[in-house]
Amino acid sequence: MSIYRTAMGKSVDMSSLVARNEKVRAVGNMNVNARGDTIDAEGRVIKPVNEKVNNAYSKTVGNRGAHVVRKPQQALQPDIVTASKLELTPEELELEESFNDDLEIEKIKEEEIKKATKKK
């Protein structure tokens, strides 16, 4: 902002006026100050404007990476099946391996279908 001259010839520096009154309650019924922070009856900040902007942005953006909140990573759980593999017969082991191969093939098919639908 710059310095404006009034009709009476006085100079008004708008940027200093805004900076001086940024914590003052705004006129209206929204319970905010001049910055946009939500305030209570005594003028204390309840919710800062930065938090409100972050929430609004995360609602409009479809990308999960744009969200501010991050979930903690889950710890890897040990493979329980490996202990029971020692007790299987050779035929059962072969069947187990073929079942695992089938699962991997199904995962690959699902990924290919997702890629094909995204391209359309």
PDB file of N, CA and C in Angstrom:
ATOM      1  N   MET A   1       0.841  -1.166   0.000  1.00  0.00           N
ATOM      2  CA  MET A   1       0.000   0.000   0.000  1.00  0.00           C
ATOM      3  C   MET A   1       0.893   1.238   0.000  1.00  0.00           C
ATOM      4  N   SER A   2       0.309   2.326  -0.315  1.00  0.00           N
ATOM      5  CA  SER A   2       1.120   3.532  -0.393  1.00  0.00           C
ATOM      6  C   SER A   2       0.480   4.660   0.389  1.00  0.00           C
ATOM      7  N   ILE A   3       1.023   5.838   0.220  1.00  0.00           N
ATOM      8  CA  ILE A   3       0.522   7.016   0.905  1.00  0.00           C
ATOM      9  C   ILE A   3      -0.518   7.691   0.017  1.00  0.00           C
ATOM     10  N   TYR A   4      -1.700   7.956   0.600  1.00  0.00           N
ATOM     11  CA  TYR A   4      -2.782   8.612  -0.126  1.00  0.00           C
ATOM     12  C   TYR A   4      -2.952  10.035   0.384  1.00  0.00           C
ATOM     13  N   ARG A   5      -3.476  10.886  -0.457  1.00  0.00           N
ATOM     14  CA  ARG A   5      -3.745  12.271  -0.083  1.00  0.00           C
ATOM     15  C   ARG A   5      -5.264  12.444  -0.032  1.00  0.00           C
ATOM     16  N   THR A   6      -5.759  12.972   1.065  1.00  0.00           N
ATOM     17  CA  THR A   6      -7.192  13.173   1.235  1.00  0.00           C
ATOM     18  C   THR A   6      -7.650  14.412   0.466  1.00  0.00           C
ATOM     19  N   ALA A   7      -8.962  14.635   0.440  1.00  0.00           N
ATOM     20  CA  ALA A   7      -9.521  15.812  -0.241  1.00  0.00           C
ATOM     21  C   ALA A   7      -9.106  17.103   0.456  1.00  0.00           C
ATOM     22  N   MET A   8      -8.807  17.003   1.753  1.00  0.00           N
ATOM     23  CA  MET A   8      -8.378  18.188   2.510  1.00  0.00           C
ATOM     24  C   MET A   8      -6.865  18.406   2.406  1.00  0.00           C
ATOM     25  N   GLY A   9      -6.146  17.515   1.705  1.00  0.00           N
ATOM     26  CA  GLY A   9      -4.716  17.670   1.503  1.00  0.00           C
ATOM     27  C   GLY A   9      -3.840  16.951   2.510  1.00  0.00           C
ATOM     28  N   LYS A  10      -4.431  16.179   3.428  1.00  0.00           N
ATOM     29  CA  LYS A  10      -3.641  15.444   4.415  1.00  0.00           C
ATOM     30  C   LYS A  10      -3.128  14.148   3.794  1.00  0.00           C
ATOM     31  N   SER A  11      -1.969  13.669   4.251  1.00  0.00           N
ATOM     32  CA  SER A  11      -1.393  12.405   3.789  1.00  0.00           C
ATOM     33  C   SER A  11      -1.764  11.296   4.762  1.00  0.00           C
ATOM     34  N   VAL A  12      -2.179  10.155   4.209  1.00  0.00           N
ATOM     35  CA  VAL A  12      -2.532   8.998   5.030  1.00  0.00           C
ATOM     36  C   VAL A  12      -1.727   7.804   4.532  1.00  0.00           C
ATOM     37  N   ASP A  13      -0.917   7.232   5.434  1.00  0.00           N
ATOM     38  CA  ASP A  13      -0.127   6.039   5.115  1.00  0.00           C
ATOM     39  C   ASP A  13      -0.977   4.811   5.470  1.00  0.00           C
ATOM     40  N   MET A  14      -1.538   4.172   4.458  1.00  0.00           N
ATOM     41  CA  MET A  14      -2.468   3.066   4.682  1.00  0.00           C
ATOM     42  C   MET A  14      -1.783   1.835   5.283  1.00  0.00           C
ATOM     43  N   SER A  15      -0.550   1.527   4.901  1.00  0.00           N
ATOM     44  CA  SER A  15       0.128   0.340   5.428  1.00  0.00           C
ATOM     45  C   SER A  15       0.405   0.480   6.920  1.00  0.00           C
ATOM     46  N   SER A  16       0.778   1.658   7.397  1.00  0.00           N
ATOM     47  CA  SER A  16       0.999   1.825   8.836  1.00  0.00           C
ATOM     48  C   SER A  16      -0.324   1.795   9.587  1.00  0.00           C
ATOM     49  N   LEU A  17      -1.391   2.303   8.991  1.00  0.00           N
ATOM     50  CA  LEU A  17      -2.706   2.278   9.612  1.00  0.00           C
ATOM     51  C   LEU A  17      -3.200   0.840   9.773  1.00  0.00           C
ATOM     52  N   VAL A  18      -2.989   0.016   8.762  1.00  0.00           N
ATOM     53  CA  VAL A  18      -3.370  -1.398   8.823  1.00  0.00           C
ATOM     54  C   VAL A  18      -2.540  -2.130   9.875  1.00  0.00           C
ATOM     55  N   ALA A  19      -1.229  -1.882   9.909  1.00  0.00           N
ATOM     56  CA  ALA A  19      -0.349  -2.555  10.870  1.00  0.00           C
ATOM     57  C   ALA A  19      -0.696  -2.165  12.304  1.00  0.00           C
ATOM     58  N   ARG A  20      -1.072  -0.917  12.526  1.00  0.00           N
ATOM     59  CA  ARG A  20      -1.417  -0.451  13.863  1.00  0.00           C
ATOM     60  C   ARG A  20      -2.702  -1.091  14.375  1.00  0.00           C
ATOM     61  N   ASN A  21      -3.650  -1.358  13.496  1.00  0.00           N
ATOM     62  CA  ASN A  21      -4.968  -1.830  13.916  1.00  0.00           C
ATOM     63  C   ASN A  21      -5.232  -3.295  13.581  1.00  0.00           C
ATOM     64  N   GLU A  22      -4.198  -4.090  13.408  1.00  0.00           N
ATOM     65  CA  GLU A  22      -4.407  -5.477  12.992  1.00  0.00           C
ATOM     66  C   GLU A  22      -5.000  -6.343  14.106  1.00  0.00           C
ATOM     67  N   LYS A  23      -4.845  -5.969  15.372  1.00  0.00           N
ATOM     68  CA  LYS A  23      -5.398  -6.750  16.490  1.00  0.00           C
ATOM     69  C   LYS A  23      -6.750  -6.229  16.958  1.00  0.00           C
ATOM     70  N   VAL A  24      -7.277  -5.200  16.341  1.00  0.00           N
ATOM     71  CA  VAL A  24      -8.544  -4.582  16.745  1.00  0.00           C
ATOM     72  C   VAL A  24      -9.711  -5.376  16.170  1.00  0.00           C
ATOM     73  N   ARG A  25     -10.788  -5.480  16.968  1.00  0.00           N
ATOM     74  CA  ARG A  25     -11.991  -6.192  16.528  1.00  0.00           C
ATOM     75  C   ARG A  25     -12.558  -5.535  15.276  1.00  0.00           C
ATOM     76  N   ALA A  26     -12.886  -6.359  14.274  1.00  0.00           N
ATOM     77  CA  ALA A  26     -13.443  -5.853  13.022  1.00  0.00           C
ATOM     78  C   ALA A  26     -14.927  -5.547  13.200  1.00  0.00           C
ATOM     79  N   VAL A  27     -15.425  -4.634  12.414  1.00  0.00           N
ATOM     80  CA  VAL A  27     -16.838  -4.266  12.468  1.00  0.00           C
ATOM     81  C   VAL A  27     -17.641  -5.346  11.746  1.00  0.00           C
ATOM     82  N   GLY A  28     -18.723  -5.793  12.375  1.00  0.00           N
ATOM     83  CA  GLY A  28     -19.569  -6.814  11.778  1.00  0.00           C
ATOM     84  C   GLY A  28     -19.938  -7.868  12.803  1.00  0.00           C
ATOM     85  N   ASN A  29     -20.515  -8.943  12.338  1.00  0.00           N
ATOM     86  CA  ASN A  29     -20.992  -9.986  13.255  1.00  0.00           C
ATOM     87  C   ASN A  29     -20.210 -11.289  13.128  1.00  0.00           C
ATOM     88  N   MET A  30     -18.960 -11.242  12.660  1.00  0.00           N
ATOM     89  CA  MET A  30     -18.191 -12.472  12.432  1.00  0.00           C
ATOM     90  C   MET A  30     -17.247 -12.829  13.570  1.00  0.00           C
ATOM     91  N   ASN A  31     -17.074 -11.969  14.590  1.00  0.00           N
ATOM     92  CA  ASN A  31     -16.160 -12.212  15.710  1.00  0.00           C
ATOM     93  C   ASN A  31     -14.732 -12.468  15.234  1.00  0.00           C
ATOM     94  N   VAL A  32     -14.213 -11.563  14.425  1.00  0.00           N
ATOM     95  CA  VAL A  32     -12.831 -11.637  13.945  1.00  0.00           C
ATOM     96  C   VAL A  32     -12.153 -10.295  14.173  1.00  0.00           C
ATOM     97  N   ASN A  33     -10.812 -10.321  14.162  1.00  0.00           N
ATOM     98  CA  ASN A  33     -10.069  -9.064  14.194  1.00  0.00           C
ATOM     99  C   ASN A  33      -9.720  -8.676  12.766  1.00  0.00           C
ATOM    100  N   ALA A  34      -8.976  -7.595  12.610  1.00  0.00           N
ATOM    101  CA  ALA A  34      -8.686  -7.086  11.266  1.00  0.00           C
ATOM    102  C   ALA A  34      -7.828  -8.046  10.454  1.00  0.00           C
ATOM    103  N   ARG A  35      -7.036  -8.891  11.111  1.00  0.00           N
ATOM    104  CA  ARG A  35      -6.225  -9.893  10.406  1.00  0.00           C
ATOM    105  C   ARG A  35      -7.065 -11.031   9.865  1.00  0.00           C
ATOM    106  N   GLY A  36      -8.173 -11.359  10.575  1.00  0.00           N
ATOM    107  CA  GLY A  36      -9.010 -12.485  10.190  1.00  0.00           C
ATOM    108  C   GLY A  36      -9.016 -13.590  11.222  1.00  0.00           C
ATOM    109  N   ASP A  37      -8.281 -13.410  12.352  1.00  0.00           N
ATOM    110  CA  ASP A  37      -8.278 -14.398  13.431  1.00  0.00           C
ATOM    111  C   ASP A  37      -9.652 -14.427  14.094  1.00  0.00           C
ATOM    112  N   THR A  38     -10.152 -15.619  14.437  1.00  0.00           N
ATOM    113  CA  THR A  38     -11.390 -15.721  15.194  1.00  0.00           C
ATOM    114  C   THR A  38     -11.075 -15.354  16.640  1.00  0.00           C
ATOM    115  N   ILE A  39     -11.885 -14.452  17.216  1.00  0.00           N
ATOM    116  CA  ILE A  39     -11.621 -13.978  18.581  1.00  0.00           C
ATOM    117  C   ILE A  39     -12.851 -14.167  19.450  1.00  0.00           C
ATOM    118  N   ASP A  40     -12.641 -14.156  20.792  1.00  0.00           N
ATOM    119  CA  ASP A  40     -13.761 -14.258  21.722  1.00  0.00           C
ATOM    120  C   ASP A  40     -14.212 -12.858  22.133  1.00  0.00           C
ATOM    121  N   ALA A  41     -15.093 -12.761  23.136  1.00  0.00           N
ATOM    122  CA  ALA A  41     -15.665 -11.481  23.553  1.00  0.00           C
ATOM    123  C   ALA A  41     -14.610 -10.530  24.120  1.00  0.00           C
ATOM    124  N   GLU A  42     -13.541 -11.074  24.708  1.00  0.00           N
ATOM    125  CA  GLU A  42     -12.489 -10.232  25.277  1.00  0.00           C
ATOM    126  C   GLU A  42     -11.414  -9.859  24.257  1.00  0.00           C
ATOM    127  N   GLY A  43     -11.475 -10.404  23.057  1.00  0.00           N
ATOM    128  CA  GLY A  43     -10.504 -10.084  22.026  1.00  0.00           C
ATOM    129  C   GLY A  43      -9.332 -11.057  21.952  1.00  0.00           C
ATOM    130  N   ARG A  44      -9.396 -12.172  22.690  1.00  0.00           N
ATOM    131  CA  ARG A  44      -8.322 -13.176  22.643  1.00  0.00           C
ATOM    132  C   ARG A  44      -8.508 -14.054  21.407  1.00  0.00           C
ATOM    133  N   VAL A  45      -7.397 -14.414  20.784  1.00  0.00           N
ATOM    134  CA  VAL A  45      -7.443 -15.217  19.556  1.00  0.00           C
ATOM    135  C   VAL A  45      -7.819 -16.656  19.901  1.00  0.00           C
ATOM    136  N   ILE A  46      -8.890 -17.144  19.291  1.00  0.00           N
ATOM    137  CA  ILE A  46      -9.338 -18.529  19.471  1.00  0.00           C
ATOM    138  C   ILE A  46      -8.740 -19.408  18.380  1.00  0.00           C
ATOM    139  N   LYS A  47      -8.844 -18.947  17.134  1.00  0.00           N
ATOM    140  CA  LYS A  47      -8.341 -19.720  15.995  1.00  0.00           C
ATOM    141  C   LYS A  47      -7.618 -18.756  15.058  1.00  0.00           C
ATOM    142  N   PRO A  48      -6.291 -18.928  14.886  1.00  0.00           N
ATOM    143  CA  PRO A  48      -5.540 -18.022  14.013  1.00  0.00           C
ATOM    144  C   PRO A  48      -5.944 -18.165  12.546  1.00  0.00           C
ATOM    145  N   VAL A  49      -5.743 -17.121  11.802  1.00  0.00           N
ATOM    146  CA  VAL A  49      -6.122 -17.112  10.388  1.00  0.00           C
ATOM    147  C   VAL A  49      -5.310 -18.140   9.599  1.00  0.00           C
ATOM    148  N   ASN A  50      -4.054 -18.405   9.999  1.00  0.00           N
ATOM    149  CA  ASN A  50      -3.234 -19.397   9.289  1.00  0.00           C
ATOM    150  C   ASN A  50      -3.853 -20.794   9.379  1.00  0.00           C
ATOM    151  N   GLU A  51      -4.383 -21.134  10.550  1.00  0.00           N
ATOM    152  CA  GLU A  51      -5.025 -22.446  10.726  1.00  0.00           C
ATOM    153  C   GLU A  51      -6.288 -22.549   9.875  1.00  0.00           C
ATOM    154  N   LYS A  52      -7.051 -21.468   9.798  1.00  0.00           N
ATOM    155  CA  LYS A  52      -8.270 -21.480   8.981  1.00  0.00           C
ATOM    156  C   LYS A  52      -7.939 -21.634   7.503  1.00  0.00           C
ATOM    157  N   VAL A  53      -6.879 -20.979   7.056  1.00  0.00           N
ATOM    158  CA  VAL A  53      -6.473 -21.082   5.651  1.00  0.00           C
ATOM    159  C   VAL A  53      -5.992 -22.495   5.340  1.00  0.00           C
ATOM    160  N   ASN A  54      -5.198 -23.092   6.240  1.00  0.00           N
ATOM    161  CA  ASN A  54      -4.713 -24.462   6.033  1.00  0.00           C
ATOM    162  C   ASN A  54      -5.872 -25.451   5.948  1.00  0.00           C
ATOM    163  N   ASN A  55      -6.882 -25.299   6.823  1.00  0.00           N
ATOM    164  CA  ASN A  55      -8.036 -26.199   6.781  1.00  0.00           C
ATOM    165  C   ASN A  55      -8.810 -26.046   5.482  1.00  0.00           C
ATOM    166  N   ALA A  56      -9.021 -24.823   5.045  1.00  0.00           N
ATOM    167  CA  ALA A  56      -9.761 -24.594   3.803  1.00  0.00           C
ATOM    168  C   ALA A  56      -9.001 -25.148   2.608  1.00  0.00           C
ATOM    169  N   TYR A  57      -7.682 -24.979   2.591  1.00  0.00           N
ATOM    170  CA  TYR A  57      -6.873 -25.483   1.481  1.00  0.00           C
ATOM    171  C   TYR A  57      -6.905 -27.003   1.434  1.00  0.00           C
ATOM    172  N   SER A  58      -6.782 -27.647   2.600  1.00  0.00           N
ATOM    173  CA  SER A  58      -6.769 -29.111   2.605  1.00  0.00           C
ATOM    174  C   SER A  58      -8.120 -29.689   2.202  1.00  0.00           C
ATOM    175  N   LYS A  59      -9.215 -28.940   2.409  1.00  0.00           N
ATOM    176  CA  LYS A  59     -10.531 -29.421   1.975  1.00  0.00           C
ATOM    177  C   LYS A  59     -10.697 -29.327   0.462  1.00  0.00           C
ATOM    178  N   THR A  60     -10.106 -28.307  -0.155  1.00  0.00           N
ATOM    179  CA  THR A  60     -10.313 -28.109  -1.585  1.00  0.00           C
ATOM    180  C   THR A  60      -9.352 -28.908  -2.441  1.00  0.00           C
ATOM    181  N   VAL A  61      -8.180 -29.208  -1.943  1.00  0.00           N
ATOM    182  CA  VAL A  61      -7.178 -29.927  -2.723  1.00  0.00           C
ATOM    183  C   VAL A  61      -7.403 -31.422  -2.570  1.00  0.00           C
ATOM    184  N   GLY A  62      -7.461 -32.135  -3.693  1.00  0.00           N
ATOM    185  CA  GLY A  62      -7.706 -33.567  -3.655  1.00  0.00           C
ATOM    186  C   GLY A  62      -6.463 -34.389  -3.377  1.00  0.00           C
ATOM    187  N   ASN A  63      -5.306 -33.774  -3.417  1.00  0.00           N
ATOM    188  CA  ASN A  63      -4.057 -34.485  -3.218  1.00  0.00           C
ATOM    189  C   ASN A  63      -3.854 -34.743  -1.730  1.00  0.00           C
ATOM    190  N   ARG A  64      -3.625 -35.975  -1.348  1.00  0.00           N
ATOM    191  CA  ARG A  64      -3.424 -36.295   0.064  1.00  0.00           C
ATOM    192  C   ARG A  64      -2.122 -35.714   0.597  1.00  0.00           C
ATOM    193  N   GLY A  65      -1.137 -35.509  -0.262  1.00  0.00           N
ATOM    194  CA  GLY A  65       0.131 -34.945   0.180  1.00  0.00           C
ATOM    195  C   GLY A  65       0.018 -33.483   0.563  1.00  0.00           C
ATOM    196  N   ALA A  66      -1.057 -32.821   0.179  1.00  0.00           N
ATOM    197  CA  ALA A  66      -1.226 -31.402   0.487  1.00  0.00           C
ATOM    198  C   ALA A  66      -1.796 -31.174   1.874  1.00  0.00           C
ATOM    199  N   HIS A  67      -2.287 -32.212   2.520  1.00  0.00           N
ATOM    200  CA  HIS A  67      -2.874 -32.047   3.835  1.00  0.00           C
ATOM    201  C   HIS A  67      -1.792 -31.769   4.867  1.00  0.00           C
ATOM    202  N   VAL A  68      -2.127 -30.936   5.835  1.00  0.00           N
ATOM    203  CA  VAL A  68      -1.166 -30.532   6.850  1.00  0.00           C
ATOM    204  C   VAL A  68      -0.940 -31.635   7.867  1.00  0.00           C
ATOM    205  N   VAL A  69      -1.991 -32.348   8.245  1.00  0.00           N
ATOM    206  CA  VAL A  69      -1.901 -33.376   9.267  1.00  0.00           C
ATOM    207  C   VAL A  69      -1.253 -34.625   8.683  1.00  0.00           C
ATOM    208  N   ARG A  70      -0.306 -35.179   9.408  1.00  0.00           N
ATOM    209  CA  ARG A  70       0.353 -36.405   8.952  1.00  0.00           C
ATOM    210  C   ARG A  70       0.101 -37.517   9.957  1.00  0.00           C
ATOM    211  N   LYS A  71      -0.155 -38.702   9.447  1.00  0.00           N
ATOM    212  CA  LYS A  71      -0.405 -39.854  10.302  1.00  0.00           C
ATOM    213  C   LYS A  71       0.910 -40.542  10.634  1.00  0.00           C
ATOM    214  N   PRO A  72       1.059 -41.050  11.860  1.00  0.00           N
ATOM    215  CA  PRO A  72       2.286 -41.767  12.196  1.00  0.00           C
ATOM    216  C   PRO A  72       2.357 -43.098  11.456  1.00  0.00           C
ATOM    217  N   GLN A  73       3.565 -43.507  11.111  1.00  0.00           N
ATOM    218  CA  GLN A  73       3.732 -44.759  10.380  1.00  0.00           C
ATOM    219  C   GLN A  73       3.571 -45.937  11.331  1.00  0.00           C
ATOM    220  N   GLN A  74       2.937 -46.987  10.834  1.00  0.00           N
ATOM    221  CA  GLN A  74       2.736 -48.174  11.647  1.00  0.00           C
ATOM    222  C   GLN A  74       3.986 -49.045  11.604  1.00  0.00           C
ATOM    223  N   ALA A  75       4.272 -49.677  12.733  1.00  0.00           N
ATOM    224  CA  ALA A  75       5.429 -50.558  12.805  1.00  0.00           C
ATOM    225  C   ALA A  75       5.144 -51.841  12.030  1.00  0.00           C
ATOM    226  N   LEU A  76       6.179 -52.396  11.418  1.00  0.00           N
ATOM    227  CA  LEU A  76       6.020 -53.646  10.668  1.00  0.00           C
ATOM    228  C   LEU A  76       5.786 -54.789  11.636  1.00  0.00           C
ATOM    229  N   GLN A  77       4.807 -55.641  11.332  1.00  0.00           N
ATOM    230  CA  GLN A  77       4.506 -56.781  12.183  1.00  0.00           C
ATOM    231  C   GLN A  77       5.273 -58.000  11.667  1.00  0.00           C
ATOM    232  N   PRO A  78       5.765 -58.828  12.567  1.00  0.00           N
ATOM    233  CA  PRO A  78       6.532 -60.005  12.135  1.00  0.00           C
ATOM    234  C   PRO A  78       5.654 -60.980  11.358  1.00  0.00           C
ATOM    235  N   ASP A  79       6.288 -61.707  10.453  1.00  0.00           N
ATOM    236  CA  ASP A  79       5.583 -62.687   9.624  1.00  0.00           C
ATOM    237  C   ASP A  79       5.301 -63.932  10.463  1.00  0.00           C
ATOM    238  N   ILE A  80       4.041 -64.152  10.778  1.00  0.00           N
ATOM    239  CA  ILE A  80       3.641 -65.269  11.633  1.00  0.00           C
ATOM    240  C   ILE A  80       3.657 -66.574  10.859  1.00  0.00           C
ATOM    241  N   VAL A  81       3.489 -66.518   9.548  1.00  0.00           N
ATOM    242  CA  VAL A  81       3.386 -67.716   8.725  1.00  0.00           C
ATOM    243  C   VAL A  81       4.719 -68.462   8.663  1.00  0.00           C
ATOM    244  N   THR A  82       5.850 -67.779   8.792  1.00  0.00           N
ATOM    245  CA  THR A  82       7.151 -68.425   8.627  1.00  0.00           C
ATOM    246  C   THR A  82       7.397 -69.514   9.661  1.00  0.00           C
ATOM    247  N   ALA A  83       6.905 -69.364  10.874  1.00  0.00           N
ATOM    248  CA  ALA A  83       7.119 -70.380  11.901  1.00  0.00           C
ATOM    249  C   ALA A  83       6.362 -71.664  11.570  1.00  0.00           C
ATOM    250  N   SER A  84       5.180 -71.535  10.974  1.00  0.00           N
ATOM    251  CA  SER A  84       4.391 -72.730  10.676  1.00  0.00           C
ATOM    252  C   SER A  84       4.860 -73.427   9.394  1.00  0.00           C
ATOM    253  N   LYS A  85       5.697 -72.784   8.577  1.00  0.00           N
ATOM    254  CA  LYS A  85       6.172 -73.405   7.340  1.00  0.00           C
ATOM    255  C   LYS A  85       7.083 -74.606   7.621  1.00  0.00           C
ATOM    256  N   LEU A  86       7.701 -74.634   8.785  1.00  0.00           N
ATOM    257  CA  LEU A  86       8.573 -75.753   9.125  1.00  0.00           C
ATOM    258  C   LEU A  86       7.787 -77.049   9.299  1.00  0.00           C
ATOM    259  N   GLU A  87       6.514 -76.939   9.638  1.00  0.00           N
ATOM    260  CA  GLU A  87       5.694 -78.108   9.895  1.00  0.00           C
ATOM    261  C   GLU A  87       4.955 -78.615   8.660  1.00  0.00           C
ATOM    262  N   LEU A  88       5.089 -77.935   7.510  1.00  0.00           N
ATOM    263  CA  LEU A  88       4.362 -78.323   6.305  1.00  0.00           C
ATOM    264  C   LEU A  88       5.106 -79.402   5.527  1.00  0.00           C
ATOM    265  N   THR A  89       4.332 -80.207   4.814  1.00  0.00           N
ATOM    266  CA  THR A  89       4.914 -81.223   3.934  1.00  0.00           C
ATOM    267  C   THR A  89       5.374 -80.542   2.647  1.00  0.00           C
ATOM    268  N   PRO A  90       6.205 -81.191   1.844  1.00  0.00           N
ATOM    269  CA  PRO A  90       6.655 -80.578   0.585  1.00  0.00           C
ATOM    270  C   PRO A  90       5.510 -80.205  -0.346  1.00  0.00           C
ATOM    271  N   GLU A  91       4.455 -81.011  -0.391  1.00  0.00           N
ATOM    272  CA  GLU A  91       3.311 -80.701  -1.245  1.00  0.00           C
ATOM    273  C   GLU A  91       2.589 -79.445  -0.745  1.00  0.00           C
ATOM    274  N   GLU A  92       2.460 -79.340   0.569  1.00  0.00           N
ATOM    275  CA  GLU A  92       1.795 -78.172   1.140  1.00  0.00           C
ATOM    276  C   GLU A  92       2.631 -76.901   0.917  1.00  0.00           C
ATOM    277  N   LEU A  93       3.947 -77.041   0.988  1.00  0.00           N
ATOM    278  CA  LEU A  93       4.822 -75.899   0.723  1.00  0.00           C
ATOM    279  C   LEU A  93       4.678 -75.418  -0.723  1.00  0.00           C
ATOM    280  N   GLU A  94       4.594 -76.380  -1.644  1.00  0.00           N
ATOM    281  CA  GLU A  94       4.438 -76.017  -3.057  1.00  0.00           C
ATOM    282  C   GLU A  94       3.095 -75.314  -3.286  1.00  0.00           C
ATOM    283  N   LEU A  95       2.047 -75.806  -2.651  1.00  0.00           N
ATOM    284  CA  LEU A  95       0.730 -75.184  -2.755  1.00  0.00           C
ATOM    285  C   LEU A  95       0.750 -73.761  -2.167  1.00  0.00           C
ATOM    286  N   GLU A  96       1.436 -73.600  -1.056  1.00  0.00           N
ATOM    287  CA  GLU A  96       1.553 -72.286  -0.407  1.00  0.00           C
ATOM    288  C   GLU A  96       2.265 -71.288  -1.326  1.00  0.00           C
ATOM    289  N   GLU A  97       3.337 -71.729  -1.972  1.00  0.00           N
ATOM    290  CA  GLU A  97       4.078 -70.856  -2.884  1.00  0.00           C
ATOM    291  C   GLU A  97       3.234 -70.471  -4.099  1.00  0.00           C
ATOM    292  N   SER A  98       2.468 -71.423  -4.627  1.00  0.00           N
ATOM    293  CA  SER A  98       1.618 -71.102  -5.775  1.00  0.00           C
ATOM    294  C   SER A  98       0.515 -70.125  -5.375  1.00  0.00           C
ATOM    295  N   PHE A  99       0.028 -70.254  -4.163  1.00  0.00           N
ATOM    296  CA  PHE A  99      -0.985 -69.322  -3.668  1.00  0.00           C
ATOM    297  C   PHE A  99      -0.402 -67.904  -3.561  1.00  0.00           C
ATOM    298  N   ASN A 100       0.825 -67.794  -3.060  1.00  0.00           N
ATOM    299  CA  ASN A 100       1.485 -66.487  -2.960  1.00  0.00           C
ATOM    300  C   ASN A 100       1.711 -65.885  -4.349  1.00  0.00           C
ATOM    301  N   ASP A 101       2.074 -66.737  -5.319  1.00  0.00           N
ATOM    302  CA  ASP A 101       2.254 -66.255  -6.692  1.00  0.00           C
ATOM    303  C   ASP A 101       0.940 -65.728  -7.259  1.00  0.00           C
ATOM    304  N   ASP A 102      -0.153 -66.442  -6.981  1.00  0.00           N
ATOM    305  CA  ASP A 102      -1.466 -65.987  -7.444  1.00  0.00           C
ATOM    306  C   ASP A 102      -1.826 -64.632  -6.848  1.00  0.00           C
ATOM    307  N   LEU A 103      -1.503 -64.427  -5.586  1.00  0.00           N
ATOM    308  CA  LEU A 103      -1.780 -63.137  -4.939  1.00  0.00           C
ATOM    309  C   LEU A 103      -0.986 -62.011  -5.606  1.00  0.00           C
ATOM    310  N   GLU A 104       0.269 -62.262  -5.911  1.00  0.00           N
ATOM    311  CA  GLU A 104       1.106 -61.253  -6.571  1.00  0.00           C
ATOM    312  C   GLU A 104       0.546 -60.911  -7.960  1.00  0.00           C
ATOM    313  N   ILE A 105       0.098 -61.918  -8.678  1.00  0.00           N
ATOM    314  CA  ILE A 105      -0.480 -61.691 -10.012  1.00  0.00           C
ATOM    315  C   ILE A 105      -1.740 -60.839  -9.907  1.00  0.00           C
ATOM    316  N   GLU A 106      -2.576 -61.118  -8.915  1.00  0.00           N
ATOM    317  CA  GLU A 106      -3.797 -60.334  -8.727  1.00  0.00           C
ATOM    318  C   GLU A 106      -3.479 -58.878  -8.399  1.00  0.00           C
ATOM    319  N   LYS A 107      -2.444 -58.645  -7.598  1.00  0.00           N
ATOM    320  CA  LYS A 107      -2.045 -57.269  -7.268  1.00  0.00           C
ATOM    321  C   LYS A 107      -1.578 -56.524  -8.521  1.00  0.00           C
ATOM    322  N   ILE A 108      -0.823 -57.194  -9.355  1.00  0.00           N
ATOM    323  CA  ILE A 108      -0.330 -56.580 -10.593  1.00  0.00           C
ATOM    324  C   ILE A 108      -1.504 -56.252 -11.513  1.00  0.00           C
ATOM    325  N   LYS A 109      -2.477 -57.168 -11.606  1.00  0.00           N
ATOM    326  CA  LYS A 109      -3.654 -56.913 -12.438  1.00  0.00           C
ATOM    327  C   LYS A 109      -4.426 -55.694 -11.943  1.00  0.00           C
ATOM    328  N   GLU A 110      -4.582 -55.565 -10.624  1.00  0.00           N
ATOM    329  CA  GLU A 110      -5.295 -54.413 -10.058  1.00  0.00           C
ATOM    330  C   GLU A 110      -4.580 -53.110 -10.390  1.00  0.00           C
ATOM    331  N   GLU A 111      -3.244 -53.117 -10.288  1.00  0.00           N
ATOM    332  CA  GLU A 111      -2.473 -51.909 -10.599  1.00  0.00           C
ATOM    333  C   GLU A 111      -2.621 -51.528 -12.065  1.00  0.00           C
ATOM    334  N   GLU A 112      -2.614 -52.512 -12.955  1.00  0.00           N
ATOM    335  CA  GLU A 112      -2.774 -52.243 -14.387  1.00  0.00           C
ATOM    336  C   GLU A 112      -4.161 -51.675 -14.692  1.00  0.00           C
ATOM    337  N   ILE A 113      -5.182 -52.188 -14.009  1.00  0.00           N
ATOM    338  CA  ILE A 113      -6.540 -51.686 -14.219  1.00  0.00           C
ATOM    339  C   ILE A 113      -6.632 -50.245 -13.747  1.00  0.00           C
ATOM    340  N   LYS A 114      -6.018 -49.931 -12.602  1.00  0.00           N
ATOM    341  CA  LYS A 114      -6.028 -48.550 -12.096  1.00  0.00           C
ATOM    342  C   LYS A 114      -5.330 -47.608 -13.063  1.00  0.00           C
ATOM    343  N   LYS A 115      -4.196 -48.048 -13.607  1.00  0.00           N
ATOM    344  CA  LYS A 115      -3.457 -47.212 -14.563  1.00  0.00           C
ATOM    345  C   LYS A 115      -4.295 -46.960 -15.817  1.00  0.00           C
ATOM    346  N   ALA A 116      -4.981 -48.001 -16.283  1.00  0.00           N
ATOM    347  CA  ALA A 116      -5.799 -47.884 -17.495  1.00  0.00           C
ATOM    348  C   ALA A 116      -6.980 -46.940 -17.275  1.00  0.00           C
ATOM    349  N   THR A 117      -7.589 -46.993 -16.095  1.00  0.00           N
ATOM    350  CA  THR A 117      -8.728 -46.106 -15.828  1.00  0.00           C
ATOM    351  C   THR A 117      -8.279 -44.665 -15.631  1.00  0.00           C
ATOM    352  N   LYS A 118      -7.090 -44.430 -15.130  1.00  0.00           N
ATOM    353  CA  LYS A 118      -6.580 -43.060 -14.948  1.00  0.00           C
ATOM    354  C   LYS A 118      -6.275 -42.400 -16.288  1.00  0.00           C
ATOM    355  N   LYS A 119      -5.838 -43.195 -17.257  1.00  0.00           N
ATOM    356  CA  LYS A 119      -5.496 -42.651 -18.578  1.00  0.00           C
ATOM    357  C   LYS A 119      -6.743 -42.207 -19.331  1.00  0.00           C
ATOM    358  N   LYS A 120      -7.890 -42.814 -19.057  1.00  0.00           N
ATOM    359  CA  LYS A 120      -9.133 -42.482 -19.765  1.00  0.00           C
ATOM    360  C   LYS A 120      -9.679 -41.220 -19.265  1.00  0.00           C
TER     361      LYS A 120
END
